[in-house]
Amino acid sequence: MPESATEQPALYENSIVGLGVLCDGRVLKANHRLAETFGYGIHELLATPLAALYPSADALEALEASARAQLAQCGAFAKDVRLRRKDGAHFWARCGLDAIDRDDLSKGLLWTVLDVTEIKQAEQALRESAAQLRLFADNVPAMSIVYDETLHCLYANKRFAEYFGLTTESIVGKHLREIVGEEAHEEIKVHFDRVLQGYPTGYERSRRLPDGECRYLDVKLIPHIGEQGQVRGLFAVTSDITERKEQENRIRQLAQRDALTGVANRLLFDEHLRRALSLSARTGHRVALLYIDLDKFKPVNDTLGHDAGDELLKSAAERITRQVRESDTVARLGGDEFAVILPHIAGPQDAAVVAQRILDALGMPFHLPPAGRDVRIGSSIGIAICPADAWQAEALVKAADAAMYKAKQSGNCYSFCEPGSRPAAQA
């Protein structure tokens, strides 16, 4: 057996660990550190039964039994146990026992005692802090998840797991790709690559839940920077912004749609017309603009009332919309005037076909529930073609408007812009 600390006086007396020799339930030898740890003088400690240094005789008996079983297998014994000081206070100690002679354990045991009370208290404080942090994280309204530098999940709060129909146990340890799916991983990987380079970032995306509902999510990614400046992973905080998105869409609808008919308003019409003309300038495709005025609308509105007039406008907008393509734009420009943008047409004949369909649709009787009557009106449509009649938005509108007034002279017909009524050359 190697020379023990008790056989090296300087090492024995100056050790920061309490050292002693145990035999027959007593402390036969002790250094100053061991005595100070228990609050005794050395002679007092040597005269004190070993049982008095433990919280109870049962605790000492259980410890001795497990220690002797370990020592019998030729292995030193070490364990954190509770001990008792002279004043009766309990403290935590890291105790070690080793045989002075493994062939004869009755010769005594070398005893090492290190007070680890502060360490235990710190560990308990950390456990309590971690429990409090988990309690907080599990109850905040945001979903949170922690990844290491290889994008494997270290922690996910309960809200995150439940939101996606999972459990925290099924998430922890998995790679980001396994959690979000292959398709979503390819979409968001660039953001995670950036945060692993040390840059906070964020993104918005839609996500379909297990029940099939589509939700909008806002994700904030924060790098976890170690003491040496290295990125050790990241924190991801996710919020459901579906209601906000829906509210934004409603506001956008109100800003861009006619409140009565639901078709595009003047603002959205101008935007779509500029976009169509810009595309035409790049591709050479023609664009047609139909300017529509309802015939005999004013008499209906004046005779049957504004409620009947509103129903007529809504029905007219629906009928016009049904005659055009999904890529076309129907707008109400004000009063009983509508417009249709036909992007990407082969020639004027395409515009004429659409105009005739609209004339036919608006020429059919309208049933107006507020008045309890069927009425017939009609419409006048002016057609202008880009680039033949104009290639700027304002000029094209003027050309179509002029053609509409020409059609109005006959009523219930369409008319193309004539060369003489085209706007002056555009700069």
Protein backbone atom coordinates (compact mmCIF):
# COMPACT_ATOMS: atom_id res chain seq x y z
CA MET A 1 0.00 0.00 0.00
CA PRO A 2 1.35 3.54 -0.79
CA GLU A 3 2.69 5.59 2.10
CA SER A 4 -0.32 7.26 3.74
CA ALA A 5 -0.68 10.94 4.57
CA THR A 6 -0.44 10.05 8.26
CA GLU A 7 3.11 8.85 7.66
CA GLN A 8 4.11 12.25 6.20
CA PRO A 9 3.79 14.69 9.14
CA ALA A 10 4.09 17.93 7.14
CA LEU A 11 1.50 16.85 4.57
CA TYR A 12 -0.73 15.52 7.32
CA GLU A 13 -0.73 18.66 9.46
CA ASN A 14 -0.94 21.21 6.63
CA SER A 15 -3.63 19.48 4.56
CA ILE A 16 -6.70 21.56 3.68
CA VAL A 17 -8.68 18.33 4.14
CA GLY A 18 -9.51 16.94 7.54
CA LEU A 19 -7.52 13.71 8.06
CA GLY A 20 -7.85 11.10 10.76
CA VAL A 21 -7.65 7.41 11.59
CA LEU A 22 -10.77 5.50 12.69
CA CYS A 23 -10.87 2.29 14.66
CA ASP A 24 -13.45 0.64 16.89
CA GLY A 25 -15.87 3.52 16.68
CA ARG A 26 -13.41 6.22 17.72
CA VAL A 27 -11.06 8.73 16.14
CA LEU A 28 -7.56 7.49 17.01
CA LYS A 29 -5.68 10.26 15.25
CA ALA A 30 -6.68 13.63 13.76
CA ASN A 31 -5.03 16.66 12.21
CA HIS A 32 -5.95 20.23 13.15
CA ARG A 33 -8.18 20.66 10.06
CA LEU A 34 -10.33 17.66 11.08
CA ALA A 35 -10.74 18.98 14.60
CA GLU A 36 -11.59 22.50 13.36
CA THR A 37 -14.14 21.08 10.92
CA PHE A 38 -16.08 19.54 13.81
CA GLY A 39 -15.51 22.50 16.16
CA TYR A 40 -13.38 20.52 18.65
CA GLY A 41 -9.85 20.71 19.88
CA ILE A 42 -7.79 17.69 18.81
CA HIS A 43 -7.84 16.07 22.28
CA GLU A 44 -11.59 16.69 22.57
CA LEU A 45 -12.17 15.06 19.20
CA LEU A 46 -10.09 12.01 20.12
CA ALA A 47 -12.17 11.59 23.26
CA THR A 48 -15.47 11.90 21.41
CA PRO A 49 -17.26 8.74 20.20
CA LEU A 50 -17.57 8.57 16.44
CA ALA A 51 -21.34 8.23 16.77
CA ALA A 52 -21.49 11.75 18.21
CA LEU A 53 -20.13 13.12 14.93
CA TYR A 54 -23.08 11.78 12.94
CA PRO A 55 -26.73 12.87 13.01
CA SER A 56 -27.76 9.46 14.35
CA ALA A 57 -26.39 6.04 15.20
CA ASP A 58 -28.41 4.60 12.32
CA ALA A 59 -26.74 6.98 9.86
CA LEU A 60 -23.29 5.89 11.08
CA GLU A 61 -24.21 2.21 10.98
CA ALA A 62 -25.54 2.44 7.41
CA LEU A 63 -22.46 4.32 6.26
CA GLU A 64 -20.05 1.86 7.88
CA ALA A 65 -21.87 -1.09 6.33
CA SER A 66 -21.66 0.30 2.80
CA ALA A 67 -18.04 1.44 3.34
CA ARG A 68 -16.84 -1.97 4.54
CA ALA A 69 -18.62 -3.70 1.62
CA GLN A 70 -16.80 -1.38 -0.78
CA LEU A 71 -13.45 -1.71 0.96
CA ALA A 72 -13.75 -5.50 0.92
CA GLN A 73 -13.73 -5.27 -2.86
CA CYS A 74 -10.40 -3.39 -2.69
CA GLY A 75 -11.90 -0.05 -3.61
CA ALA A 76 -11.72 3.19 -1.65
CA PHE A 77 -15.04 4.57 -0.46
CA ALA A 78 -16.24 8.16 -0.93
CA LYS A 79 -19.62 9.72 -0.31
CA ASP A 80 -21.27 13.04 0.57
CA VAL A 81 -22.84 12.65 4.01
CA ARG A 82 -24.33 14.82 6.74
CA LEU A 83 -22.16 15.16 9.91
CA ARG A 84 -22.64 16.95 13.22
CA ARG A 85 -20.43 19.60 14.80
CA LYS A 86 -19.74 20.03 18.48
CA ASP A 87 -22.49 22.67 18.76
CA GLY A 88 -25.02 20.23 17.24
CA ALA A 89 -25.21 21.95 13.84
CA HIS A 90 -25.32 19.63 10.86
CA PHE A 91 -23.14 20.14 7.79
CA TRP A 92 -22.39 18.38 4.53
CA ALA A 93 -19.03 16.69 4.11
CA ARG A 94 -17.33 14.74 1.38
CA CYS A 95 -16.03 11.72 3.31
CA GLY A 96 -13.49 9.22 2.11
CA LEU A 97 -12.43 5.95 3.72
CA ASP A 98 -9.51 3.74 2.79
CA ALA A 99 -7.98 0.74 4.51
CA ILE A 100 -4.64 1.15 6.25
CA ASP A 101 -4.17 -2.60 5.74
CA ARG A 102 -6.50 -4.21 3.23
CA ASP A 103 -5.74 -7.66 4.62
CA ASP A 104 -6.80 -6.61 8.09
CA LEU A 105 -9.49 -3.91 8.22
CA SER A 106 -9.43 -4.06 12.03
CA LYS A 107 -6.19 -2.06 12.02
CA GLY A 108 -8.23 1.01 11.18
CA LEU A 109 -9.32 3.25 8.32
CA LEU A 110 -7.86 6.45 6.93
CA TRP A 111 -10.65 9.05 7.11
CA THR A 112 -10.80 12.20 4.96
CA VAL A 113 -13.40 14.90 5.60
CA LEU A 114 -13.95 17.99 3.42
CA ASP A 115 -16.66 20.48 4.37
CA VAL A 116 -18.79 20.94 1.23
CA THR A 117 -21.71 22.74 2.85
CA GLU A 118 -21.28 25.86 0.71
CA ILE A 119 -20.99 23.73 -2.41
CA LYS A 120 -24.18 21.87 -1.49
CA GLN A 121 -25.96 25.13 -0.80
CA ALA A 122 -24.80 26.50 -4.15
CA GLU A 123 -25.95 23.32 -5.90
CA GLN A 124 -29.34 23.57 -4.17
CA ALA A 125 -29.61 27.23 -5.13
CA LEU A 126 -28.82 26.30 -8.74
CA ARG A 127 -31.44 23.57 -8.69
CA GLU A 128 -34.00 25.96 -7.25
CA SER A 129 -33.00 28.62 -9.74
CA ALA A 130 -33.26 26.14 -12.61
CA ALA A 131 -36.66 25.00 -11.34
CA GLN A 132 -37.85 28.59 -11.06
CA LEU A 133 -36.49 29.37 -14.52
CA ARG A 134 -38.25 26.32 -15.95
CA LEU A 135 -41.47 27.32 -14.17
CA PHE A 136 -41.15 30.80 -15.65
CA ALA A 137 -40.26 29.50 -19.12
CA ASP A 138 -43.15 27.05 -19.10
CA ASN A 139 -45.66 29.77 -18.28
CA VAL A 140 -44.59 32.75 -20.37
CA PRO A 141 -46.83 33.29 -23.43
CA ALA A 142 -43.93 32.81 -25.87
CA MET A 143 -42.62 29.45 -27.02
CA SER A 144 -38.92 28.94 -26.25
CA ILE A 145 -36.39 26.34 -27.28
CA VAL A 146 -32.62 26.06 -26.83
CA TYR A 147 -30.24 24.45 -29.34
CA ASP A 148 -26.56 23.59 -29.03
CA GLU A 149 -23.98 24.52 -31.67
CA THR A 150 -24.92 21.43 -33.72
CA LEU A 151 -28.62 22.46 -33.66
CA HIS A 152 -29.67 19.64 -31.35
CA CYS A 153 -32.36 20.64 -28.86
CA LEU A 154 -31.19 21.08 -25.26
CA TYR A 155 -34.45 22.40 -23.85
CA ALA A 156 -37.99 23.22 -24.97
CA ASN A 157 -40.63 24.79 -22.76
CA LYS A 158 -44.03 23.20 -22.31
CA ARG A 159 -45.81 25.82 -24.40
CA PHE A 160 -43.60 25.10 -27.41
CA ALA A 161 -44.17 21.36 -27.17
CA GLU A 162 -47.92 21.59 -26.66
CA TYR A 163 -48.38 24.14 -29.45
CA PHE A 164 -46.98 21.70 -31.99
CA GLY A 165 -48.69 18.66 -30.48
CA LEU A 166 -45.46 17.23 -29.05
CA THR A 167 -43.92 16.54 -25.64
CA THR A 168 -40.72 18.07 -24.27
CA GLU A 169 -39.28 14.57 -23.91
CA SER A 170 -39.83 13.88 -27.62
CA ILE A 171 -38.07 17.12 -28.62
CA VAL A 172 -34.98 17.24 -26.41
CA GLY A 173 -31.96 15.69 -28.14
CA LYS A 174 -33.43 15.95 -31.64
CA HIS A 175 -31.94 17.98 -34.46
CA LEU A 176 -33.74 21.05 -35.78
CA ARG A 177 -34.49 19.16 -39.00
CA GLU A 178 -36.33 16.43 -37.09
CA ILE A 179 -38.38 18.95 -35.10
CA VAL A 180 -39.57 21.21 -37.94
CA GLY A 181 -39.45 18.80 -40.90
CA GLU A 182 -37.26 18.67 -44.00
CA GLU A 183 -39.18 21.26 -46.05
CA ALA A 184 -39.28 23.88 -43.28
CA HIS A 185 -35.64 23.17 -42.41
CA GLU A 186 -34.54 24.09 -45.92
CA GLU A 187 -36.55 27.31 -45.69
CA ILE A 188 -35.22 28.51 -42.33
CA LYS A 189 -31.69 27.04 -42.34
CA VAL A 190 -30.16 30.31 -43.57
CA HIS A 191 -31.39 32.11 -40.44
CA PHE A 192 -29.92 29.48 -38.11
CA ASP A 193 -26.60 29.56 -40.00
CA ARG A 194 -26.48 33.30 -39.42
CA VAL A 195 -27.18 33.14 -35.68
CA LEU A 196 -24.51 30.43 -35.27
CA GLN A 197 -22.10 33.00 -36.67
CA GLY A 198 -22.96 35.21 -33.70
CA TYR A 199 -25.59 37.49 -35.23
CA PRO A 200 -29.08 37.82 -33.68
CA THR A 201 -31.74 37.46 -36.35
CA GLY A 202 -35.41 36.70 -36.84
CA TYR A 203 -38.00 35.75 -39.40
CA GLU A 204 -41.71 35.18 -39.94
CA ARG A 205 -43.24 32.11 -41.50
CA SER A 206 -46.47 30.19 -41.67
CA ARG A 207 -46.77 26.75 -40.08
CA ARG A 208 -49.51 24.17 -40.44
CA LEU A 209 -50.39 22.58 -37.11
CA PRO A 210 -51.22 18.87 -36.64
CA ASP A 211 -54.96 19.71 -36.80
CA GLY A 212 -54.46 21.29 -40.24
CA GLU A 213 -54.85 24.91 -39.12
CA CYS A 214 -52.40 27.36 -40.67
CA ARG A 215 -50.82 29.82 -38.22
CA TYR A 216 -48.32 32.65 -38.61
CA LEU A 217 -45.22 32.64 -36.42
CA ASP A 218 -42.62 35.24 -35.51
CA VAL A 219 -39.25 33.70 -34.55
CA LYS A 220 -36.41 35.54 -32.80
CA LEU A 221 -33.00 33.82 -32.75
CA ILE A 222 -30.35 34.86 -30.19
CA PRO A 223 -26.81 33.40 -30.12
CA HIS A 224 -25.53 31.85 -26.90
CA ILE A 225 -22.02 33.30 -26.54
CA GLY A 226 -19.53 31.51 -24.25
CA GLU A 227 -16.95 33.13 -21.98
CA GLN A 228 -14.28 32.87 -24.67
CA GLY A 229 -16.54 34.49 -27.27
CA GLN A 230 -17.41 31.23 -29.01
CA VAL A 231 -20.99 30.48 -30.07
CA ARG A 232 -22.21 27.61 -27.92
CA GLY A 233 -25.69 27.42 -29.40
CA LEU A 234 -28.76 29.61 -29.62
CA PHE A 235 -32.04 30.55 -28.02
CA ALA A 236 -35.20 30.65 -30.17
CA VAL A 237 -38.30 32.51 -29.00
CA THR A 238 -41.44 31.98 -31.09
CA SER A 239 -44.70 33.93 -30.93
CA ASP A 240 -47.99 33.23 -32.67
CA ILE A 241 -48.83 36.38 -34.66
CA THR A 242 -51.82 34.99 -36.55
CA GLU A 243 -54.26 37.49 -35.09
CA ARG A 244 -51.92 40.37 -35.89
CA LYS A 245 -51.48 39.14 -39.46
CA GLU A 246 -55.22 38.77 -39.91
CA GLN A 247 -55.74 42.27 -38.53
CA GLU A 248 -53.11 43.62 -40.95
CA ASN A 249 -54.86 41.85 -43.81
CA ARG A 250 -58.20 43.35 -42.77
CA ILE A 251 -56.65 46.81 -42.62
CA ARG A 252 -55.04 46.25 -46.02
CA GLN A 253 -58.39 45.11 -47.39
CA LEU A 254 -60.06 48.24 -46.06
CA ALA A 255 -57.32 50.39 -47.55
CA GLN A 256 -57.40 48.73 -50.98
CA ARG A 257 -60.99 47.54 -51.43
CA ASP A 258 -64.19 49.38 -52.11
CA ALA A 259 -66.20 49.19 -48.89
CA LEU A 260 -69.52 48.64 -50.68
CA THR A 261 -68.71 46.21 -53.50
CA GLY A 262 -65.49 44.56 -52.31
CA VAL A 263 -63.71 45.11 -55.65
CA ALA A 264 -60.49 47.14 -55.88
CA ASN A 265 -60.71 50.81 -54.97
CA ARG A 266 -58.98 53.66 -56.81
CA LEU A 267 -55.77 53.20 -54.82
CA LEU A 268 -55.40 49.53 -55.69
CA PHE A 269 -56.55 50.16 -59.26
CA ASP A 270 -53.75 52.71 -59.77
CA GLU A 271 -51.19 50.28 -58.34
CA HIS A 272 -52.31 47.38 -60.57
CA LEU A 273 -52.48 49.58 -63.65
CA ARG A 274 -48.93 50.90 -63.14
CA ARG A 275 -47.71 47.35 -62.59
CA ALA A 276 -49.44 46.08 -65.76
CA LEU A 277 -48.04 48.93 -67.86
CA SER A 278 -44.53 48.41 -66.45
CA LEU A 279 -44.70 44.73 -67.37
CA SER A 280 -46.00 45.65 -70.82
CA ALA A 281 -43.04 47.95 -71.38
CA ARG A 282 -40.65 45.09 -70.57
CA THR A 283 -42.41 42.27 -72.45
CA GLY A 284 -44.24 44.04 -75.27
CA HIS A 285 -47.59 42.50 -74.32
CA ARG A 286 -50.69 44.65 -74.79
CA VAL A 287 -52.85 45.89 -71.93
CA ALA A 288 -56.52 46.86 -72.30
CA LEU A 289 -58.38 49.20 -69.98
CA LEU A 290 -62.20 49.07 -69.93
CA TYR A 291 -63.93 52.11 -68.44
CA ILE A 292 -67.54 51.20 -67.52
CA ASP A 293 -70.41 53.53 -66.69
CA LEU A 294 -73.80 52.12 -65.65
CA ASP A 295 -76.68 53.46 -67.77
CA LYS A 296 -79.90 54.57 -66.02
CA PHE A 297 -78.36 54.15 -62.55
CA LYS A 298 -79.36 57.61 -61.31
CA PRO A 299 -83.10 57.13 -61.93
CA VAL A 300 -83.02 53.83 -60.03
CA ASN A 301 -81.15 55.44 -57.13
CA ASP A 302 -83.46 58.47 -57.05
CA THR A 303 -86.71 56.52 -57.46
CA LEU A 304 -86.11 53.40 -55.39
CA GLY A 305 -83.74 54.84 -52.78
CA HIS A 306 -80.09 54.55 -51.83
CA ASP A 307 -80.45 51.04 -50.39
CA ALA A 308 -81.69 49.77 -53.74
CA GLY A 309 -78.93 51.73 -55.47
CA ASP A 310 -76.30 50.10 -53.23
CA GLU A 311 -77.68 46.63 -54.00
CA LEU A 312 -77.53 47.42 -57.69
CA LEU A 313 -73.87 48.49 -57.45
CA LYS A 314 -72.93 45.33 -55.51
CA SER A 315 -74.71 43.10 -58.01
CA ALA A 316 -73.10 44.94 -60.95
CA ALA A 317 -69.63 44.46 -59.42
CA GLU A 318 -70.30 40.73 -59.00
CA ARG A 319 -71.49 40.35 -62.59
CA ILE A 320 -68.46 42.21 -63.99
CA THR A 321 -66.08 40.10 -61.89
CA ARG A 322 -67.61 36.88 -63.20
CA GLN A 323 -66.82 37.89 -66.80
CA VAL A 324 -63.07 38.36 -66.38
CA ARG A 325 -60.02 36.25 -65.56
CA GLU A 326 -58.60 35.87 -62.08
CA SER A 327 -55.50 37.78 -63.23
CA ASP A 328 -57.63 40.75 -64.34
CA THR A 329 -58.54 43.62 -62.02
CA VAL A 330 -62.05 44.93 -61.44
CA ALA A 331 -62.26 48.29 -59.66
CA ARG A 332 -64.91 50.78 -58.65
CA LEU A 333 -63.61 54.26 -59.39
CA GLY A 334 -66.51 56.12 -57.79
CA GLY A 335 -70.30 56.46 -58.07
CA ASP A 336 -71.50 54.08 -60.77
CA GLU A 337 -68.18 53.96 -62.66
CA PHE A 338 -66.12 50.79 -62.84
CA ALA A 339 -62.92 49.82 -64.61
CA VAL A 340 -61.35 46.55 -65.72
CA ILE A 341 -57.62 46.04 -66.38
CA LEU A 342 -56.88 43.25 -68.85
CA PRO A 343 -53.13 42.60 -68.78
CA HIS A 344 -51.44 40.45 -71.41
CA ILE A 345 -53.99 40.39 -74.26
CA ALA A 346 -53.25 39.33 -77.82
CA GLY A 347 -55.08 42.27 -79.43
CA PRO A 348 -58.11 44.59 -79.35
CA GLN A 349 -60.44 41.74 -80.22
CA ASP A 350 -59.77 40.11 -76.81
CA ALA A 351 -60.87 43.33 -75.12
CA ALA A 352 -63.98 43.50 -77.33
CA VAL A 353 -64.98 39.96 -76.33
CA VAL A 354 -64.74 40.79 -72.63
CA ALA A 355 -66.60 44.08 -73.11
CA GLN A 356 -69.45 42.32 -74.86
CA ARG A 357 -69.72 39.73 -72.08
CA ILE A 358 -69.94 42.54 -69.52
CA LEU A 359 -72.60 44.35 -71.59
CA ASP A 360 -74.66 41.18 -71.76
CA ALA A 361 -74.30 40.51 -68.04
CA LEU A 362 -75.24 44.05 -67.02
CA GLY A 363 -78.13 44.07 -69.47
CA MET A 364 -79.94 41.30 -67.61
CA PRO A 365 -82.62 42.30 -65.03
CA PHE A 366 -81.46 43.11 -61.47
CA HIS A 367 -83.63 41.97 -58.58
CA LEU A 368 -83.44 44.55 -55.78
CA PRO A 369 -84.77 43.14 -52.47
CA PRO A 370 -85.01 46.52 -50.67
CA ALA A 371 -87.43 47.75 -53.35
CA GLY A 372 -88.92 44.36 -54.14
CA ARG A 373 -88.58 45.06 -57.86
CA ASP A 374 -86.65 43.94 -60.93
CA VAL A 375 -84.98 46.66 -62.95
CA ARG A 376 -83.04 46.84 -66.18
CA ILE A 377 -80.21 49.26 -66.74
CA GLY A 378 -77.37 48.72 -69.19
CA SER A 379 -73.81 50.06 -69.48
CA SER A 380 -71.47 52.04 -71.68
CA ILE A 381 -67.86 50.83 -72.01
CA GLY A 382 -64.84 52.69 -73.33
CA ILE A 383 -61.75 50.68 -74.34
CA ALA A 384 -58.16 51.94 -74.56
CA ILE A 385 -55.16 49.78 -75.50
CA CYS A 386 -51.57 50.15 -74.36
CA PRO A 387 -49.32 50.97 -76.11
CA ALA A 388 -51.46 51.95 -79.14
CA ASP A 389 -53.54 54.58 -77.31
CA ALA A 390 -51.22 55.48 -74.43
CA TRP A 391 -48.43 53.91 -72.41
CA GLN A 392 -48.71 55.93 -69.19
CA ALA A 393 -51.40 55.22 -66.60
CA GLU A 394 -53.03 58.64 -66.45
CA ALA A 395 -53.11 58.98 -70.22
CA LEU A 396 -54.58 55.50 -70.69
CA VAL A 397 -57.37 56.29 -68.20
CA LYS A 398 -58.18 59.49 -70.05
CA ALA A 399 -58.27 57.64 -73.36
CA ALA A 400 -60.64 54.97 -71.99
CA ASP A 401 -62.80 57.64 -70.37
CA ALA A 402 -63.09 59.50 -73.67
CA ALA A 403 -64.08 56.27 -75.44
CA MET A 404 -66.70 55.63 -72.74
CA TYR A 405 -68.32 59.01 -73.33
CA LYS A 406 -68.51 58.22 -77.04
CA ALA A 407 -70.28 54.90 -76.21
CA LYS A 408 -72.58 56.78 -73.85
CA GLN A 409 -74.01 58.71 -76.77
CA SER A 410 -75.59 55.50 -78.09
CA GLY A 411 -75.90 53.68 -74.75
CA ASN A 412 -75.46 50.01 -73.87
CA CYS A 413 -72.46 49.49 -76.16
CA TYR A 414 -68.69 49.61 -76.16
CA SER A 415 -66.38 51.89 -78.10
CA PHE A 416 -62.65 51.92 -78.74
CA CYS A 417 -60.53 55.02 -78.34
CA GLU A 418 -60.28 56.87 -81.65
CA PRO A 419 -56.95 58.31 -82.84
CA GLY A 420 -58.31 61.85 -82.67
CA SER A 421 -59.34 61.46 -79.02
CA ARG A 422 -56.02 60.04 -77.84
CA PRO A 423 -54.07 62.16 -75.32
CA ALA A 424 -51.24 64.31 -76.60
CA ALA A 425 -47.86 62.60 -77.08
CA GLN A 426 -46.32 61.70 -73.75
CA ALA A 427 -42.89 62.88 -72.77
